[in-house]
Protein backbone atom coordinates (compact mmCIF):
# COMPACT_ATOMS: atom_id res chain seq x y z
CA UNK A 1 42.95 -12.80 41.37
CA UNK A 2 39.88 -13.82 39.43
CA UNK A 3 39.69 -17.08 41.37
CA UNK A 4 40.07 -15.25 44.70
CA UNK A 5 37.34 -12.78 43.74
CA UNK A 6 34.93 -15.53 42.73
CA UNK A 7 35.64 -17.46 45.94
CA UNK A 8 34.90 -14.35 48.00
CA UNK A 9 31.62 -13.84 46.16
CA UNK A 10 30.54 -17.47 46.51
CA UNK A 11 31.36 -17.36 50.22
CA UNK A 12 28.94 -14.45 50.56
CA UNK A 13 26.00 -16.82 50.23
CA UNK A 14 26.90 -18.47 53.54
CA UNK A 15 27.68 -15.34 55.56
CA UNK A 16 25.09 -13.62 57.79
CA UNK A 17 23.24 -10.89 55.94
CA UNK A 18 23.89 -8.37 58.71
CA UNK A 19 27.65 -8.90 58.42
CA UNK A 20 27.58 -8.52 54.65
CA UNK A 21 25.41 -5.42 54.68
CA UNK A 22 27.47 -3.93 57.53
CA UNK A 23 30.63 -4.27 55.42
CA UNK A 24 28.83 -2.77 52.45
CA UNK A 25 27.52 0.21 54.43
CA UNK A 26 31.06 1.06 55.53
CA UNK A 27 31.89 1.62 51.87
CA UNK A 28 28.52 3.15 50.96
CA UNK A 29 27.12 4.78 54.11
CA UNK A 30 24.49 6.60 52.04
CA UNK A 31 22.42 3.39 52.01
CA UNK A 32 22.70 2.61 55.70
CA UNK A 33 19.24 3.98 56.62
CA UNK A 34 17.36 2.10 53.90
CA UNK A 35 14.72 -0.52 54.76
CA UNK A 36 16.26 -3.61 56.43
CA UNK A 37 16.42 -7.02 54.81
CA UNK A 38 13.86 -9.30 56.44
CA UNK A 39 13.23 -11.97 53.79
CA UNK A 40 15.40 -14.95 52.96
CA UNK A 41 16.59 -13.34 49.75
CA UNK A 42 16.80 -9.72 48.75
CA UNK A 43 18.52 -8.08 45.83
CA UNK A 44 20.21 -5.45 48.02
CA UNK A 45 21.93 -8.24 49.97
CA UNK A 46 22.89 -10.01 46.74
CA UNK A 47 24.48 -6.92 45.17
CA UNK A 48 26.11 -6.04 48.48
CA UNK A 49 28.11 -9.26 48.71
CA UNK A 50 28.91 -9.07 44.98
CA UNK A 51 30.45 -5.66 45.57
CA UNK A 52 32.29 -6.74 48.71
CA UNK A 53 33.68 -9.73 46.82
CA UNK A 54 35.12 -7.40 44.21
CA UNK A 55 36.67 -5.14 46.84
CA UNK A 56 38.37 -8.15 48.47
CA UNK A 57 40.94 -8.24 45.64
CA UNK A 58 41.35 -4.48 45.21
CA UNK A 59 44.87 -4.43 46.70
CA UNK A 60 46.23 -7.30 44.56
CA UNK A 61 44.72 -5.68 41.47
CA UNK A 62 46.46 -2.38 42.24
CA UNK A 63 49.75 -4.21 42.84
CA UNK A 64 49.37 -6.08 39.55
CA UNK A 65 48.74 -2.83 37.71
CA UNK A 66 51.84 -1.24 39.25
CA UNK A 67 53.84 -4.26 38.10
CA UNK A 68 52.58 -3.85 34.53
CA UNK A 69 53.44 -0.15 34.53
CA UNK A 70 56.91 -0.86 35.91
CA UNK A 71 57.57 -3.50 33.25
CA UNK A 72 56.34 -1.14 30.53
CA UNK A 73 58.66 1.59 31.80
CA UNK A 74 61.63 -0.80 31.63
CA UNK A 75 60.63 -1.82 28.12
CA UNK A 76 60.77 1.83 27.12
CA UNK A 77 64.28 2.12 28.58
CA UNK A 78 65.43 -0.98 26.73
CA UNK A 79 64.02 0.52 23.54
CA UNK A 80 66.52 3.35 23.85
CA UNK A 81 69.33 0.81 23.51
CA UNK A 82 67.80 -1.83 21.23
CA UNK A 83 66.35 -0.28 18.04
CA UNK A 84 64.02 -3.23 17.35
CA UNK A 85 62.40 -2.89 20.77
CA UNK A 86 62.17 0.86 20.35
CA UNK A 87 60.41 0.54 16.97
CA UNK A 88 58.00 -2.07 18.32
CA UNK A 89 57.18 0.15 21.31
CA UNK A 90 56.60 3.14 19.01
CA UNK A 91 54.33 1.14 16.71
CA UNK A 92 52.25 -0.10 19.65
CA UNK A 93 51.88 3.48 20.84
CA UNK A 94 50.91 4.78 17.39
CA UNK A 95 48.42 1.93 16.85
CA UNK A 96 46.87 2.45 20.28
CA UNK A 97 47.67 -1.11 21.40
CA UNK A 98 50.22 -0.35 24.10
CA UNK A 99 49.78 -0.76 27.85
CA UNK A 100 48.58 2.82 28.30
CA UNK A 101 45.71 2.17 25.88
CA UNK A 102 44.82 -1.07 27.62
CA UNK A 103 44.74 0.55 31.06
CA UNK A 104 42.73 3.46 29.71
CA UNK A 105 40.16 1.00 28.36
CA UNK A 106 39.97 -0.73 31.75
CA UNK A 107 39.48 2.62 33.48
CA UNK A 108 36.63 3.53 31.13
CA UNK A 109 34.93 0.18 31.73
CA UNK A 110 35.32 0.64 35.48
CA UNK A 111 33.86 4.16 35.30
CA UNK A 112 30.91 2.92 33.23
CA UNK A 113 30.25 0.15 35.74
CA UNK A 114 30.26 2.74 38.52
CA UNK A 115 27.66 4.78 36.64
CA UNK A 116 25.45 1.71 36.26
CA UNK A 117 25.69 0.87 39.96
CA UNK A 118 24.85 4.41 41.04
CA UNK A 119 21.86 4.44 38.71
CA UNK A 120 20.33 1.16 39.92
CA UNK A 121 21.25 1.33 43.62
CA UNK A 122 18.45 3.80 44.51
CA UNK A 123 15.89 1.42 43.04
CA UNK A 124 17.40 -1.57 44.85
CA UNK A 125 18.15 -0.12 48.27
CA UNK A 126 15.15 2.20 48.49
CA UNK A 127 12.96 -0.57 47.08
CA UNK A 128 11.64 1.79 44.44
CA UNK A 129 9.61 0.08 41.70
CA UNK A 130 11.45 -0.03 38.40
CA UNK A 131 9.12 0.81 35.52
CA UNK A 132 9.49 0.30 31.80
CA UNK A 133 10.01 4.03 31.26
CA UNK A 134 13.02 3.92 33.60
CA UNK A 135 15.01 1.88 31.09
CA UNK A 136 15.38 5.00 28.97
CA UNK A 137 17.15 6.73 31.87
CA UNK A 138 19.78 4.01 32.31
CA UNK A 139 23.38 4.88 31.39
CA UNK A 140 24.33 3.90 27.87
CA UNK A 141 27.78 2.83 26.85
CA UNK A 142 29.68 5.10 24.50
CA UNK A 143 29.67 3.73 21.00
CA UNK A 144 33.17 2.65 20.09
CA UNK A 145 34.66 4.08 16.91
CA UNK A 146 36.84 2.13 14.54
CA UNK A 147 39.86 3.09 16.62
CA UNK A 148 41.84 -0.03 15.77
CA UNK A 149 41.52 0.49 12.02
CA UNK A 150 42.40 4.17 12.27
CA UNK A 151 45.40 3.49 14.50
CA UNK A 152 46.62 0.68 12.26
CA UNK A 153 46.43 2.96 9.22
CA UNK A 154 48.37 5.61 11.11
CA UNK A 155 51.02 3.03 12.05
CA UNK A 156 51.31 1.88 8.42
CA UNK A 157 51.73 5.47 7.27
CA UNK A 158 54.47 5.95 9.84
CA UNK A 159 56.27 2.82 8.62
CA UNK A 160 56.10 4.04 5.02
CA UNK A 161 57.49 7.44 6.02
CA UNK A 162 60.48 5.77 7.68
CA UNK A 163 61.54 3.66 4.70
CA UNK A 164 64.26 6.10 3.71
CA UNK A 165 65.00 6.35 -0.01
CA UNK A 166 62.49 3.67 -0.93
CA UNK A 167 59.48 5.58 -2.14
CA UNK A 168 57.19 2.66 -2.88
CA UNK A 169 54.69 2.31 0.00
CA UNK A 170 54.08 -0.98 1.77
CA UNK A 171 51.08 -2.59 0.10
CA UNK A 172 49.90 -6.11 -0.58
CA UNK A 173 50.79 -5.81 -4.29
CA UNK A 174 54.32 -4.71 -3.44
CA UNK A 175 54.73 -7.56 -0.98
CA UNK A 176 53.58 -10.00 -3.70
CA UNK A 177 55.97 -8.47 -6.25
CA UNK A 178 58.85 -8.67 -3.81
CA UNK A 179 58.06 -12.31 -3.13
CA UNK A 180 58.01 -13.10 -6.86
CA UNK A 181 61.27 -11.28 -7.46
CA UNK A 182 62.93 -13.17 -4.60
CA UNK A 183 61.74 -16.49 -6.01
CA UNK A 184 63.02 -15.57 -9.49
CA UNK A 185 66.46 -14.58 -8.18
CA UNK A 186 66.63 -17.74 -6.09
CA UNK A 187 65.76 -19.99 -9.03
CA UNK A 188 68.33 -18.19 -11.20
CA UNK A 189 71.04 -18.74 -8.62
CA UNK A 190 70.16 -22.43 -8.35
CA UNK A 191 70.22 -22.88 -12.10
CA UNK A 192 73.51 -21.05 -12.45
CA UNK A 193 75.05 -23.08 -9.67
CA UNK A 194 73.86 -26.34 -11.21
CA UNK A 195 75.28 -25.28 -14.55
CA UNK A 196 78.71 -24.70 -13.04
CA UNK A 197 78.66 -28.03 -11.26
CA UNK A 198 77.76 -29.89 -14.45
CA UNK A 199 80.37 -27.99 -16.43
CA UNK A 200 83.16 -28.72 -13.95
CA UNK A 201 82.28 -32.39 -13.40
CA UNK A 202 81.57 -33.48 -16.96
CA UNK A 203 83.53 -31.07 -19.13
CA UNK A 204 83.64 -32.26 -22.73
CA UNK A 205 80.74 -34.64 -22.37
CA UNK A 206 77.83 -32.49 -21.25
CA UNK A 207 77.07 -29.01 -22.46
CA UNK A 208 77.42 -26.36 -19.72
CA UNK A 209 74.10 -24.87 -20.87
CA UNK A 210 71.91 -24.09 -17.82
CA UNK A 211 69.48 -26.82 -16.85
């Protein structure tokens, strides 16, 4: 889809300006009565074929999004049968990293882009001079909060609450302690096993004392 969109945009350079602007005015008739393009290059023509290039893949993009939503719905159904899938789905939802969060982010970016276009189009199509003071009027993106960190902490809290009778929370120090304990038990089993092998193979000659 990205390749098709870029090809459509690049092809706009070779198309007649009247055809490009005519297609653009069908989508945005509010700019139809603006001053015509008479020079070899004009920004209104440039942004017009950029926009038309994006619209050329609108249907495939919608189909792709429906496919993602369908797959996500089936994943939720599978999670009702397979506990591991269900837990993973729940954690993604709690952490804000699931498909719904991704699509919401895309929608917010798309809405912000629309605000930017509607702010600058009057300057471009009406050929209104853009002054330094106009920069202060431009739409500003909403400052992102530390959503990922907050969601991850919420997911970790949820995991700790589901650990049943184990009251010790999941922390780095506990993970390190568990790793050390596992290594100690493993070494003990190896030593005990080696002791039995030596004792059985060389009874009377070698002491069965652990190695």
